[in-house]
Amino acid sequence: MTSEFAVAIHGLVFLNQRKSTTSSEELAANVCTNPARVRKVLAKLKKAGIVATKEGLEGGYHLAKDPLNITLKQICDALEVKFVSSSWKSGDETNPCMIASGMAGVMDDLYGELDDLCKKRMEQITIKDIHESLVRKKLNSLKS
């Protein structure tokens, strides 16, 4: 998984809180990254219909959907996130040993299953849920 997923969720929750068009510079300052990175991530979210943009002096980004209807799975899909994967494979497909020649395929299948399970869970979590979780944490810290 890349950090784009965290940048996207952070930015979307911030846009939900602001409820107004927000520049990439403002978003970047809140996410603690650079505006070019924010623009790169939000361009993918715009293509997926999750955010919209406004041009001009007071331009920027705003949510294109109700935060209750933006699931983390939609964000995963827009960013082509893989939660579980490996770029390295053990063994060698040409090796006559059943384990050496077959392990990479078995592990790829396992990674695929685990990734699907993660994405199923992401279907159940919305931007509104994340925002409400932050509000609860803040309220709990004030009570302490």
N, C-alpha and C. Protein backbone atom coordinates (compact mmCIF):
# COMPACT_ATOMS: atom_id res chain seq x y z
N MET A 1 0.85 -1.17 0.00
CA MET A 1 0.00 0.00 0.00
C MET A 1 0.89 1.23 0.00
N THR A 2 0.48 2.24 -0.73
CA THR A 2 1.24 3.49 -0.78
C THR A 2 0.63 4.51 0.17
N SER A 3 1.35 5.56 0.40
CA SER A 3 0.86 6.62 1.28
C SER A 3 -0.23 7.46 0.60
N GLU A 4 -0.44 7.27 -0.70
CA GLU A 4 -1.51 8.01 -1.39
C GLU A 4 -2.86 7.78 -0.71
N PHE A 5 -3.08 6.58 -0.20
CA PHE A 5 -4.34 6.24 0.45
C PHE A 5 -4.55 7.13 1.68
N ALA A 6 -3.51 7.28 2.49
CA ALA A 6 -3.59 8.14 3.68
C ALA A 6 -3.79 9.61 3.29
N VAL A 7 -3.08 10.06 2.27
CA VAL A 7 -3.23 11.44 1.80
C VAL A 7 -4.68 11.67 1.35
N ALA A 8 -5.23 10.71 0.62
CA ALA A 8 -6.60 10.84 0.11
C ALA A 8 -7.62 10.91 1.24
N ILE A 9 -7.52 9.98 2.19
CA ILE A 9 -8.48 9.97 3.29
C ILE A 9 -8.36 11.24 4.12
N HIS A 10 -7.14 11.63 4.45
CA HIS A 10 -6.93 12.85 5.23
C HIS A 10 -7.53 14.04 4.50
N GLY A 11 -7.21 14.16 3.21
CA GLY A 11 -7.73 15.29 2.44
C GLY A 11 -9.25 15.31 2.36
N LEU A 12 -9.86 14.15 2.16
CA LEU A 12 -11.32 14.08 2.05
C LEU A 12 -12.00 14.41 3.38
N VAL A 13 -11.43 13.93 4.47
CA VAL A 13 -12.02 14.25 5.78
C VAL A 13 -11.87 15.74 6.06
N PHE A 14 -10.75 16.32 5.68
CA PHE A 14 -10.57 17.77 5.85
C PHE A 14 -11.57 18.55 5.00
N LEU A 15 -11.77 18.12 3.75
CA LEU A 15 -12.77 18.78 2.89
C LEU A 15 -14.16 18.66 3.50
N ASN A 16 -14.46 17.51 4.08
CA ASN A 16 -15.76 17.32 4.74
C ASN A 16 -15.91 18.29 5.90
N GLN A 17 -14.87 18.45 6.68
CA GLN A 17 -14.91 19.37 7.83
C GLN A 17 -15.07 20.82 7.36
N ARG A 18 -14.34 21.19 6.34
CA ARG A 18 -14.36 22.58 5.83
C ARG A 18 -15.67 22.93 5.14
N LYS A 19 -16.24 21.98 4.43
CA LYS A 19 -17.48 22.18 3.67
C LYS A 19 -17.40 23.38 2.72
N SER A 20 -16.20 23.59 2.19
CA SER A 20 -16.01 24.66 1.21
C SER A 20 -14.86 24.27 0.27
N THR A 21 -14.75 24.98 -0.81
CA THR A 21 -13.67 24.74 -1.76
C THR A 21 -12.35 25.11 -1.09
N THR A 22 -11.38 24.21 -1.20
CA THR A 22 -10.11 24.36 -0.49
C THR A 22 -8.96 24.14 -1.48
N SER A 23 -7.98 25.01 -1.40
CA SER A 23 -6.84 24.92 -2.32
C SER A 23 -5.94 23.74 -1.97
N SER A 24 -5.15 23.33 -2.95
CA SER A 24 -4.19 22.25 -2.71
C SER A 24 -3.14 22.68 -1.68
N GLU A 25 -2.85 23.97 -1.61
CA GLU A 25 -1.89 24.47 -0.62
C GLU A 25 -2.43 24.30 0.80
N GLU A 26 -3.72 24.64 1.00
CA GLU A 26 -4.34 24.47 2.32
C GLU A 26 -4.42 22.99 2.70
N LEU A 27 -4.82 22.18 1.74
CA LEU A 27 -4.89 20.74 1.99
C LEU A 27 -3.51 20.19 2.34
N ALA A 28 -2.51 20.59 1.58
CA ALA A 28 -1.15 20.10 1.80
C ALA A 28 -0.65 20.51 3.19
N ALA A 29 -0.96 21.72 3.61
CA ALA A 29 -0.53 22.18 4.94
C ALA A 29 -1.16 21.32 6.02
N ASN A 30 -2.42 20.93 5.86
CA ASN A 30 -3.10 20.12 6.85
C ASN A 30 -2.61 18.68 6.83
N VAL A 31 -2.35 18.15 5.65
CA VAL A 31 -1.87 16.77 5.51
C VAL A 31 -0.38 16.67 5.87
N CYS A 32 0.31 17.78 5.82
CA CYS A 32 1.77 17.85 6.07
C CYS A 32 2.53 17.18 4.93
N THR A 33 2.20 17.60 3.72
CA THR A 33 2.90 17.15 2.52
C THR A 33 2.97 18.33 1.57
N ASN A 34 3.37 18.10 0.34
CA ASN A 34 3.46 19.22 -0.60
C ASN A 34 2.24 19.27 -1.52
N PRO A 35 1.91 20.47 -2.02
CA PRO A 35 0.72 20.64 -2.86
C PRO A 35 0.72 19.79 -4.12
N ALA A 36 1.89 19.56 -4.72
CA ALA A 36 1.94 18.73 -5.94
C ALA A 36 1.48 17.31 -5.64
N ARG A 37 1.85 16.79 -4.49
CA ARG A 37 1.42 15.45 -4.10
C ARG A 37 -0.09 15.40 -3.90
N VAL A 38 -0.62 16.42 -3.25
CA VAL A 38 -2.07 16.51 -3.03
C VAL A 38 -2.78 16.55 -4.38
N ARG A 39 -2.30 17.38 -5.30
CA ARG A 39 -2.93 17.50 -6.62
C ARG A 39 -2.90 16.16 -7.36
N LYS A 40 -1.79 15.43 -7.25
CA LYS A 40 -1.67 14.13 -7.92
C LYS A 40 -2.72 13.15 -7.40
N VAL A 41 -2.88 13.10 -6.09
CA VAL A 41 -3.85 12.18 -5.49
C VAL A 41 -5.28 12.62 -5.81
N LEU A 42 -5.56 13.92 -5.64
CA LEU A 42 -6.92 14.40 -5.87
C LEU A 42 -7.33 14.36 -7.34
N ALA A 43 -6.37 14.37 -8.24
CA ALA A 43 -6.69 14.21 -9.67
C ALA A 43 -7.33 12.84 -9.91
N LYS A 44 -6.81 11.83 -9.23
CA LYS A 44 -7.39 10.48 -9.37
C LYS A 44 -8.77 10.41 -8.73
N LEU A 45 -8.94 11.11 -7.61
CA LEU A 45 -10.26 11.13 -6.96
C LEU A 45 -11.26 11.92 -7.78
N LYS A 46 -10.79 12.94 -8.47
CA LYS A 46 -11.68 13.71 -9.35
C LYS A 46 -12.14 12.84 -10.51
N LYS A 47 -11.22 12.10 -11.09
CA LYS A 47 -11.55 11.21 -12.21
C LYS A 47 -12.60 10.18 -11.79
N ALA A 48 -12.57 9.78 -10.52
CA ALA A 48 -13.53 8.80 -9.98
C ALA A 48 -14.84 9.45 -9.52
N GLY A 49 -14.92 10.79 -9.62
CA GLY A 49 -16.15 11.47 -9.23
C GLY A 49 -16.31 11.68 -7.73
N ILE A 50 -15.24 11.55 -6.98
CA ILE A 50 -15.28 11.70 -5.53
C ILE A 50 -15.11 13.16 -5.12
N VAL A 51 -14.26 13.88 -5.83
CA VAL A 51 -14.10 15.32 -5.60
C VAL A 51 -14.36 16.05 -6.90
N ALA A 52 -14.63 17.33 -6.75
CA ALA A 52 -14.79 18.21 -7.91
C ALA A 52 -13.86 19.40 -7.70
N THR A 53 -13.60 20.12 -8.77
CA THR A 53 -12.72 21.28 -8.67
C THR A 53 -13.43 22.54 -9.12
N LYS A 54 -12.90 23.63 -8.63
CA LYS A 54 -13.37 24.96 -9.05
C LYS A 54 -12.14 25.72 -9.50
N GLU A 55 -12.22 26.31 -10.66
CA GLU A 55 -11.09 27.07 -11.21
C GLU A 55 -11.12 28.50 -10.69
N GLY A 56 -9.99 29.18 -10.83
CA GLY A 56 -9.94 30.60 -10.53
C GLY A 56 -9.26 30.94 -9.22
N LEU A 57 -9.34 32.22 -8.88
CA LEU A 57 -8.68 32.76 -7.70
C LEU A 57 -9.10 32.05 -6.43
N GLU A 58 -10.37 31.74 -6.30
CA GLU A 58 -10.87 31.03 -5.12
C GLU A 58 -11.12 29.56 -5.44
N GLY A 59 -10.30 29.02 -6.32
CA GLY A 59 -10.46 27.64 -6.76
C GLY A 59 -9.89 26.64 -5.79
N GLY A 60 -10.13 25.40 -6.12
CA GLY A 60 -9.63 24.32 -5.29
C GLY A 60 -10.52 23.10 -5.42
N TYR A 61 -10.59 22.34 -4.35
CA TYR A 61 -11.30 21.07 -4.33
C TYR A 61 -12.45 21.10 -3.33
N HIS A 62 -13.48 20.34 -3.65
CA HIS A 62 -14.58 20.11 -2.71
C HIS A 62 -15.15 18.72 -2.98
N LEU A 63 -15.86 18.19 -1.99
CA LEU A 63 -16.45 16.87 -2.16
C LEU A 63 -17.52 16.92 -3.23
N ALA A 64 -17.55 15.91 -4.07
CA ALA A 64 -18.56 15.81 -5.12
C ALA A 64 -19.72 14.93 -4.68
N LYS A 65 -19.57 14.28 -3.54
CA LYS A 65 -20.59 13.36 -3.02
C LYS A 65 -20.78 13.62 -1.53
N ASP A 66 -21.88 13.12 -1.02
CA ASP A 66 -22.12 13.12 0.41
C ASP A 66 -21.06 12.22 1.07
N PRO A 67 -20.42 12.66 2.16
CA PRO A 67 -19.39 11.85 2.79
C PRO A 67 -19.90 10.50 3.30
N LEU A 68 -21.20 10.40 3.51
CA LEU A 68 -21.82 9.14 3.91
C LEU A 68 -21.79 8.12 2.77
N ASN A 69 -21.64 8.63 1.53
CA ASN A 69 -21.65 7.77 0.35
C ASN A 69 -20.26 7.59 -0.27
N ILE A 70 -19.23 8.06 0.41
CA ILE A 70 -17.86 7.86 -0.08
C ILE A 70 -17.22 6.79 0.79
N THR A 71 -17.07 5.59 0.23
CA THR A 71 -16.45 4.50 0.99
C THR A 71 -14.95 4.48 0.76
N LEU A 72 -14.25 3.90 1.71
CA LEU A 72 -12.81 3.75 1.54
C LEU A 72 -12.49 2.83 0.37
N LYS A 73 -13.40 1.93 0.05
CA LYS A 73 -13.23 1.05 -1.13
C LYS A 73 -13.22 1.87 -2.41
N GLN A 74 -14.09 2.88 -2.50
CA GLN A 74 -14.10 3.73 -3.68
C GLN A 74 -12.76 4.45 -3.83
N ILE A 75 -12.20 4.85 -2.72
CA ILE A 75 -10.89 5.51 -2.73
C ILE A 75 -9.82 4.51 -3.18
N CYS A 76 -9.88 3.30 -2.63
CA CYS A 76 -8.94 2.23 -3.04
C CYS A 76 -8.99 2.03 -4.55
N ASP A 77 -10.20 1.94 -5.07
CA ASP A 77 -10.37 1.71 -6.51
C ASP A 77 -9.81 2.87 -7.32
N ALA A 78 -10.09 4.10 -6.88
CA ALA A 78 -9.62 5.28 -7.61
C ALA A 78 -8.10 5.35 -7.63
N LEU A 79 -7.47 4.93 -6.54
CA LEU A 79 -6.02 5.01 -6.42
C LEU A 79 -5.32 3.70 -6.80
N GLU A 80 -6.11 2.67 -7.13
CA GLU A 80 -5.59 1.35 -7.46
C GLU A 80 -4.70 0.81 -6.33
N VAL A 81 -5.23 0.91 -5.10
CA VAL A 81 -4.51 0.48 -3.91
C VAL A 81 -4.53 -1.04 -3.79
N LYS A 82 -3.40 -1.59 -3.45
CA LYS A 82 -3.29 -3.00 -3.06
C LYS A 82 -2.81 -2.98 -1.61
N PHE A 83 -3.62 -3.57 -0.74
CA PHE A 83 -3.25 -3.60 0.67
C PHE A 83 -2.23 -4.68 0.97
N VAL A 84 -2.36 -5.82 0.30
CA VAL A 84 -1.48 -6.94 0.55
C VAL A 84 -0.88 -7.38 -0.78
N SER A 85 0.42 -7.30 -0.87
CA SER A 85 1.12 -7.75 -2.07
C SER A 85 2.59 -7.88 -1.74
N SER A 86 3.33 -8.46 -2.64
CA SER A 86 4.77 -8.57 -2.46
C SER A 86 5.43 -8.45 -3.83
N SER A 87 6.44 -7.65 -3.89
CA SER A 87 7.17 -7.52 -5.16
C SER A 87 8.22 -8.62 -5.31
N TRP A 88 8.56 -9.29 -4.21
CA TRP A 88 9.54 -10.36 -4.24
C TRP A 88 8.84 -11.70 -4.19
N LYS A 89 9.33 -12.65 -4.93
CA LYS A 89 8.76 -13.99 -4.95
C LYS A 89 9.85 -15.00 -4.64
N SER A 90 9.51 -15.95 -3.78
CA SER A 90 10.47 -16.99 -3.45
C SER A 90 10.40 -18.12 -4.47
N GLY A 91 11.43 -18.91 -4.51
CA GLY A 91 11.44 -20.07 -5.39
C GLY A 91 11.76 -19.73 -6.83
N ASP A 92 11.54 -20.74 -7.68
CA ASP A 92 11.83 -20.62 -9.10
C ASP A 92 10.88 -21.57 -9.82
N GLU A 93 10.06 -21.04 -10.69
CA GLU A 93 9.06 -21.85 -11.40
C GLU A 93 9.67 -22.98 -12.21
N THR A 94 10.92 -22.84 -12.60
CA THR A 94 11.56 -23.88 -13.41
C THR A 94 12.24 -24.96 -12.57
N ASN A 95 12.27 -24.77 -11.26
CA ASN A 95 12.89 -25.75 -10.36
C ASN A 95 12.02 -27.00 -10.30
N PRO A 96 12.59 -28.20 -10.35
CA PRO A 96 11.79 -29.43 -10.31
C PRO A 96 11.12 -29.67 -8.94
N CYS A 97 11.57 -29.00 -7.92
CA CYS A 97 10.96 -29.16 -6.59
C CYS A 97 9.57 -28.53 -6.56
N MET A 98 8.58 -29.28 -6.10
CA MET A 98 7.20 -28.81 -6.02
C MET A 98 7.09 -27.52 -5.20
N ILE A 99 7.84 -27.44 -4.11
CA ILE A 99 7.75 -26.26 -3.24
C ILE A 99 8.42 -25.06 -3.90
N ALA A 100 9.61 -25.24 -4.41
CA ALA A 100 10.33 -24.13 -5.06
C ALA A 100 9.58 -23.61 -6.27
N SER A 101 8.98 -24.52 -7.04
CA SER A 101 8.32 -24.09 -8.27
C SER A 101 6.89 -23.59 -8.04
N GLY A 102 6.29 -23.92 -6.91
CA GLY A 102 4.89 -23.57 -6.70
C GLY A 102 4.62 -22.51 -5.66
N MET A 103 5.59 -22.22 -4.81
CA MET A 103 5.33 -21.31 -3.68
C MET A 103 4.92 -19.91 -4.12
N ALA A 104 5.53 -19.36 -5.13
CA ALA A 104 5.20 -17.99 -5.56
C ALA A 104 3.73 -17.89 -5.95
N GLY A 105 3.23 -18.87 -6.68
CA GLY A 105 1.83 -18.86 -7.09
C GLY A 105 0.88 -18.98 -5.91
N VAL A 106 1.22 -19.85 -4.98
CA VAL A 106 0.39 -20.02 -3.78
C VAL A 106 0.37 -18.73 -2.96
N MET A 107 1.52 -18.10 -2.80
CA MET A 107 1.58 -16.85 -2.04
C MET A 107 0.82 -15.73 -2.76
N ASP A 108 0.92 -15.68 -4.09
CA ASP A 108 0.16 -14.68 -4.85
C ASP A 108 -1.34 -14.85 -4.61
N ASP A 109 -1.80 -16.11 -4.61
CA ASP A 109 -3.21 -16.38 -4.33
C ASP A 109 -3.59 -15.92 -2.93
N LEU A 110 -2.73 -16.20 -1.96
CA LEU A 110 -2.99 -15.79 -0.58
C LEU A 110 -3.04 -14.27 -0.46
N TYR A 111 -2.08 -13.59 -1.08
CA TYR A 111 -2.07 -12.13 -1.06
C TYR A 111 -3.35 -11.58 -1.69
N GLY A 112 -3.78 -12.18 -2.78
CA GLY A 112 -5.01 -11.75 -3.44
C GLY A 112 -6.23 -11.90 -2.55
N GLU A 113 -6.32 -13.04 -1.85
CA GLU A 113 -7.44 -13.27 -0.92
C GLU A 113 -7.43 -12.25 0.21
N LEU A 114 -6.25 -12.00 0.79
CA LEU A 114 -6.14 -11.04 1.88
C LEU A 114 -6.48 -9.62 1.41
N ASP A 115 -6.04 -9.28 0.20
CA ASP A 115 -6.35 -7.97 -0.36
C ASP A 115 -7.86 -7.82 -0.55
N ASP A 116 -8.52 -8.87 -1.06
CA ASP A 116 -9.97 -8.84 -1.23
C ASP A 116 -10.69 -8.65 0.11
N LEU A 117 -10.20 -9.33 1.16
CA LEU A 117 -10.80 -9.18 2.49
C LEU A 117 -10.67 -7.75 3.00
N CYS A 118 -9.50 -7.16 2.79
CA CYS A 118 -9.30 -5.76 3.20
C CYS A 118 -10.27 -4.85 2.45
N LYS A 119 -10.42 -5.06 1.17
CA LYS A 119 -11.30 -4.20 0.37
C LYS A 119 -12.76 -4.39 0.75
N LYS A 120 -13.14 -5.61 1.13
CA LYS A 120 -14.51 -5.83 1.62
C LYS A 120 -14.76 -5.00 2.88
N ARG A 121 -13.77 -4.95 3.76
CA ARG A 121 -13.90 -4.14 4.98
C ARG A 121 -13.97 -2.66 4.63
N MET A 122 -13.20 -2.24 3.65
CA MET A 122 -13.19 -0.83 3.23
C MET A 122 -14.55 -0.39 2.67
N GLU A 123 -15.33 -1.35 2.15
CA GLU A 123 -16.68 -1.03 1.66
C GLU A 123 -17.60 -0.58 2.79
N GLN A 124 -17.27 -0.97 4.01
CA GLN A 124 -18.11 -0.69 5.17
C GLN A 124 -17.75 0.60 5.89
N ILE A 125 -16.69 1.26 5.49
CA ILE A 125 -16.22 2.47 6.17
C ILE A 125 -16.34 3.65 5.21
N THR A 126 -16.93 4.73 5.69
CA THR A 126 -17.11 5.93 4.87
C THR A 126 -16.26 7.09 5.41
N ILE A 127 -16.15 8.12 4.60
CA ILE A 127 -15.48 9.34 5.04
C ILE A 127 -16.19 9.93 6.25
N LYS A 128 -17.50 9.84 6.26
CA LYS A 128 -18.26 10.31 7.43
C LYS A 128 -17.88 9.53 8.68
N ASP A 129 -17.70 8.21 8.56
CA ASP A 129 -17.27 7.38 9.70
C ASP A 129 -15.92 7.84 10.24
N ILE A 130 -14.98 8.11 9.35
CA ILE A 130 -13.65 8.56 9.77
C ILE A 130 -13.76 9.90 10.49
N HIS A 131 -14.55 10.80 9.92
CA HIS A 131 -14.75 12.11 10.54
C HIS A 131 -15.35 11.97 11.93
N GLU A 132 -16.37 11.13 12.06
CA GLU A 132 -17.01 10.92 13.36
C GLU A 132 -16.05 10.29 14.36
N SER A 133 -15.18 9.42 13.91
CA SER A 133 -14.18 8.82 14.78
C SER A 133 -13.23 9.88 15.33
N LEU A 134 -12.83 10.81 14.48
CA LEU A 134 -11.97 11.91 14.93
C LEU A 134 -12.68 12.79 15.96
N VAL A 135 -13.95 13.07 15.71
CA VAL A 135 -14.74 13.90 16.65
C VAL A 135 -14.82 13.20 18.01
N ARG A 136 -15.11 11.89 17.99
CA ARG A 136 -15.19 11.12 19.24
C ARG A 136 -13.87 11.16 20.00
N LYS A 137 -12.76 10.98 19.29
CA LYS A 137 -11.45 10.99 19.93
C LYS A 137 -11.17 12.36 20.56
N LYS A 138 -11.54 13.40 19.85
CA LYS A 138 -11.33 14.75 20.37
C LYS A 138 -12.17 14.98 21.63
N LEU A 139 -13.44 14.58 21.59
CA LEU A 139 -14.32 14.74 22.75
C LEU A 139 -13.79 13.93 23.94
N ASN A 140 -13.33 12.72 23.70
CA ASN A 140 -12.79 11.89 24.77
C ASN A 140 -11.53 12.50 25.38
N SER A 141 -10.70 13.12 24.54
CA SER A 141 -9.48 13.74 25.07
C SER A 141 -9.81 14.97 25.89
N LEU A 142 -10.88 15.68 25.56
CA LEU A 142 -11.29 16.84 26.34
C LEU A 142 -11.84 16.45 27.71
N LYS A 143 -12.44 15.24 27.77
CA LYS A 143 -12.99 14.75 29.04
C LYS A 143 -11.90 14.29 29.99
N SER A 144 -10.75 13.91 29.44
CA SER A 144 -9.65 13.36 30.26
C SER A 144 -8.93 14.43 31.04
